[in-house]
């Protein structure tokens, strides 16, 4: 079930859900708008001939209150807000429609697991032929919350507690550590 504005506010007041800082203007009928922080990362494209899912890469890090994303450019940003989800809530991240209509695609893999806490890293892609200027503290995306049918274990993955934009950690997946065995995939369910 998707949470309404009233349910989101109640969970915040009861401290079941945490979003900080937050203001009245961020609440929508069934979501909460999040603002852009001022920490960004861009893959250092001069340091590698190609990207691989098995390796880590160098990123350029920068703090700016205004940035220009070049045409067809890609950067990582972060939300200004720190969130903490209880183990019975998940959240979907969507770009704001008004921003999407300018050709800026905003993503974070679209999903925030129950029990996650930290700032959300956003993938920002400019689909236009001209640069797009972004300013920190502007509302850029929205969180839509959904209750789980039952409480499960909390997220304890490689991005827990992130406090700024965090580079891909795909190289830490168990497939990359040679611990993944396809024949054992469903063993825990037997």
Protein backbone atom coordinates (compact mmCIF):
# COMPACT_ATOMS: atom_id res chain seq x y z
CA UNK A 1 0.00 0.00 0.00
CA UNK A 2 1.32 3.46 -0.95
CA UNK A 3 1.40 5.88 1.98
CA UNK A 4 -0.63 9.08 1.84
CA UNK A 5 0.60 12.49 2.91
CA UNK A 6 -1.13 12.05 6.29
CA UNK A 7 0.44 8.62 6.91
CA UNK A 8 3.92 9.91 6.00
CA UNK A 9 3.54 12.83 8.43
CA UNK A 10 2.27 10.51 11.17
CA UNK A 11 5.27 8.18 10.76
CA UNK A 12 7.61 11.18 10.89
CA UNK A 13 5.95 12.53 14.06
CA UNK A 14 6.10 9.07 15.68
CA UNK A 15 9.76 8.84 14.58
CA UNK A 16 9.14 5.56 12.75
CA UNK A 17 10.45 7.27 9.60
CA UNK A 18 13.17 9.90 9.55
CA UNK A 19 13.84 12.57 6.90
CA UNK A 20 16.06 15.49 7.84
CA UNK A 21 16.08 18.33 7.16
CA UNK A 22 12.49 18.65 5.93
CA UNK A 23 10.00 21.50 5.41
CA UNK A 24 6.26 21.76 4.74
CA UNK A 25 6.79 22.57 1.05
CA UNK A 26 8.29 19.11 0.43
CA UNK A 27 5.06 17.19 1.13
CA UNK A 28 2.96 16.09 -1.83
CA UNK A 29 -0.35 14.11 -1.74
CA UNK A 30 1.44 10.72 -1.72
CA UNK A 31 5.16 11.51 -1.65
CA UNK A 32 7.90 13.71 -0.23
CA UNK A 33 10.12 15.84 -2.46
CA UNK A 34 13.86 15.64 -1.77
CA UNK A 35 16.39 18.35 -2.55
CA UNK A 36 19.74 18.20 -4.29
CA UNK A 37 22.84 18.31 -2.10
CA UNK A 38 26.14 19.88 -3.14
CA UNK A 39 28.38 16.79 -3.43
CA UNK A 40 28.96 15.25 -6.87
CA UNK A 41 31.02 12.53 -8.51
CA UNK A 42 31.86 11.96 -12.16
CA UNK A 43 33.69 8.96 -13.57
CA UNK A 44 37.21 9.95 -14.58
CA UNK A 45 36.84 8.90 -18.21
CA UNK A 46 40.49 9.65 -18.92
CA UNK A 47 41.67 6.93 -16.53
CA UNK A 48 40.05 3.88 -18.19
CA UNK A 49 39.43 2.65 -21.74
CA UNK A 50 36.08 1.05 -20.73
CA UNK A 51 33.95 0.29 -17.67
CA UNK A 52 33.66 -3.22 -16.27
CA UNK A 53 31.28 -4.60 -13.66
CA UNK A 54 34.22 -6.42 -12.05
CA UNK A 55 36.43 -3.41 -11.23
CA UNK A 56 36.31 -0.16 -9.33
CA UNK A 57 37.05 3.13 -11.09
CA UNK A 58 38.39 6.55 -10.29
CA UNK A 59 35.85 9.31 -9.85
CA UNK A 60 36.33 13.06 -9.78
CA UNK A 61 34.76 14.48 -6.62
CA UNK A 62 33.50 18.03 -6.31
CA UNK A 63 31.36 20.21 -4.07
CA UNK A 64 29.37 22.90 -5.87
CA UNK A 65 26.22 24.90 -5.22
CA UNK A 66 25.66 25.17 -9.01
CA UNK A 67 26.70 22.67 -11.63
CA UNK A 68 26.28 22.31 -15.38
CA UNK A 69 25.64 18.83 -16.71
CA UNK A 70 26.86 18.80 -20.31
CA UNK A 71 24.74 17.36 -23.15
CA UNK A 72 24.52 13.58 -22.71
CA UNK A 73 26.57 13.98 -19.54
CA UNK A 74 26.26 11.75 -16.50
CA UNK A 75 27.12 12.53 -12.87
CA UNK A 76 26.28 11.24 -9.43
CA UNK A 77 24.70 13.61 -6.95
CA UNK A 78 23.20 13.24 -3.51
CA UNK A 79 20.10 14.30 -1.68
CA UNK A 80 20.36 17.01 0.92
CA UNK A 81 18.14 14.92 3.18
CA UNK A 82 19.23 11.98 5.31
CA UNK A 83 16.56 9.30 5.49
CA UNK A 84 16.02 6.29 7.70
CA UNK A 85 13.39 3.72 6.77
CA UNK A 86 11.91 1.28 9.26
CA UNK A 87 12.01 -2.44 8.40
CA UNK A 88 8.37 -2.41 7.26
CA UNK A 89 8.66 0.42 4.67
CA UNK A 90 10.29 0.68 1.27
CA UNK A 91 10.55 3.73 -0.97
CA UNK A 92 10.67 4.43 -4.69
CA UNK A 93 12.71 7.35 -6.00
CA UNK A 94 11.38 9.22 -9.01
CA UNK A 95 12.51 12.42 -10.66
CA UNK A 96 10.07 15.29 -10.48
CA UNK A 97 7.95 15.54 -13.63
CA UNK A 98 8.79 19.22 -14.16
CA UNK A 99 12.50 18.36 -14.22
CA UNK A 100 12.02 15.31 -16.45
CA UNK A 101 10.29 17.57 -18.97
CA UNK A 102 13.57 19.46 -19.28
CA UNK A 103 15.36 16.24 -20.29
CA UNK A 104 17.06 15.46 -16.98
CA UNK A 105 16.75 11.79 -16.04
CA UNK A 106 17.01 11.19 -12.29
CA UNK A 107 17.42 7.73 -10.91
CA UNK A 108 18.88 5.81 -8.01
CA UNK A 109 18.01 2.41 -9.34
CA UNK A 110 14.53 3.50 -8.32
CA UNK A 111 14.40 1.64 -5.04
CA UNK A 112 15.28 2.16 -1.37
CA UNK A 113 15.27 -1.01 0.73
CA UNK A 114 13.61 -1.33 4.14
CA UNK A 115 16.02 -0.41 6.92
CA UNK A 116 18.18 1.81 4.68
CA UNK A 117 19.61 4.92 6.25
CA UNK A 118 21.71 7.63 4.68
CA UNK A 119 21.64 10.21 1.94
CA UNK A 120 20.43 8.87 -1.39
CA UNK A 121 22.87 8.85 -4.29
CA UNK A 122 21.19 10.03 -7.48
CA UNK A 123 22.24 9.20 -11.02
CA UNK A 124 21.74 12.34 -13.14
CA UNK A 125 21.73 12.14 -16.94
CA UNK A 126 21.20 15.06 -19.34
CA UNK A 127 19.38 13.76 -22.43
CA UNK A 128 19.48 17.19 -24.14
CA UNK A 129 21.74 18.80 -26.73
CA UNK A 130 22.41 21.72 -24.35
CA UNK A 131 23.78 21.80 -20.77
CA UNK A 132 21.40 21.76 -17.80
CA UNK A 133 22.19 23.90 -14.76
CA UNK A 134 21.34 22.47 -11.35
CA UNK A 135 21.36 24.31 -8.03
CA UNK A 136 21.77 22.65 -4.66
CA UNK A 137 18.82 22.83 -2.25
CA UNK A 138 16.29 22.69 -5.14
CA UNK A 139 13.62 19.97 -5.04
CA UNK A 140 14.81 17.40 -7.58
CA UNK A 141 13.14 14.05 -6.88
CA UNK A 142 10.40 12.47 -4.82
CA UNK A 143 10.11 9.49 -2.48
CA UNK A 144 6.99 7.34 -2.62
CA UNK A 145 6.63 5.05 0.39
CA UNK A 146 5.02 1.61 0.47
CA UNK A 147 4.35 -0.70 3.40
CA UNK A 148 5.55 -4.29 3.23
CA UNK A 149 3.10 -7.11 3.78
CA UNK A 150 5.37 -8.25 6.63
CA UNK A 151 8.46 -6.90 8.33
CA UNK A 152 11.69 -8.44 7.15
CA UNK A 153 15.39 -8.03 7.76
CA UNK A 154 16.85 -4.54 7.45
CA UNK A 155 19.07 -3.54 4.54
CA UNK A 156 22.70 -4.05 5.46
CA UNK A 157 24.30 -3.65 2.04
CA UNK A 158 27.32 -1.79 0.75
CA UNK A 159 25.62 1.64 0.70
CA UNK A 160 24.24 1.76 4.26
CA UNK A 161 25.02 5.02 6.05
CA UNK A 162 26.23 6.91 2.99
CA UNK A 163 26.51 10.62 3.73
CA UNK A 164 27.29 11.93 0.24
CA UNK A 165 27.27 10.70 -3.36
CA UNK A 166 28.90 7.27 -3.40
CA UNK A 167 30.49 5.67 -6.44
CA UNK A 168 29.39 2.30 -7.76
CA UNK A 169 30.51 -0.57 -5.58
CA UNK A 170 29.49 -3.22 -8.10
CA UNK A 171 32.97 -4.73 -7.81
CA UNK A 172 32.06 -5.78 -4.24
CA UNK A 173 29.22 -8.04 -5.41
CA UNK A 174 29.71 -11.65 -4.43
CA UNK A 175 30.01 -12.64 -8.10
CA UNK A 176 33.21 -10.59 -8.15
CA UNK A 177 34.53 -12.23 -4.99
CA UNK A 178 34.21 -15.72 -6.54
CA UNK A 179 31.73 -16.77 -3.86
CA UNK A 180 28.78 -17.04 -6.22
CA UNK A 181 27.85 -20.55 -7.32
CA UNK A 182 24.76 -20.78 -9.58
CA UNK A 183 24.03 -24.34 -8.42
CA UNK A 184 23.62 -23.02 -4.83
CA UNK A 185 21.37 -20.10 -5.75
CA UNK A 186 18.21 -21.58 -4.20
CA UNK A 187 19.88 -23.82 -1.62
CA UNK A 188 18.69 -21.63 1.28
CA UNK A 189 15.08 -22.17 0.15
CA UNK A 190 15.24 -25.99 0.21
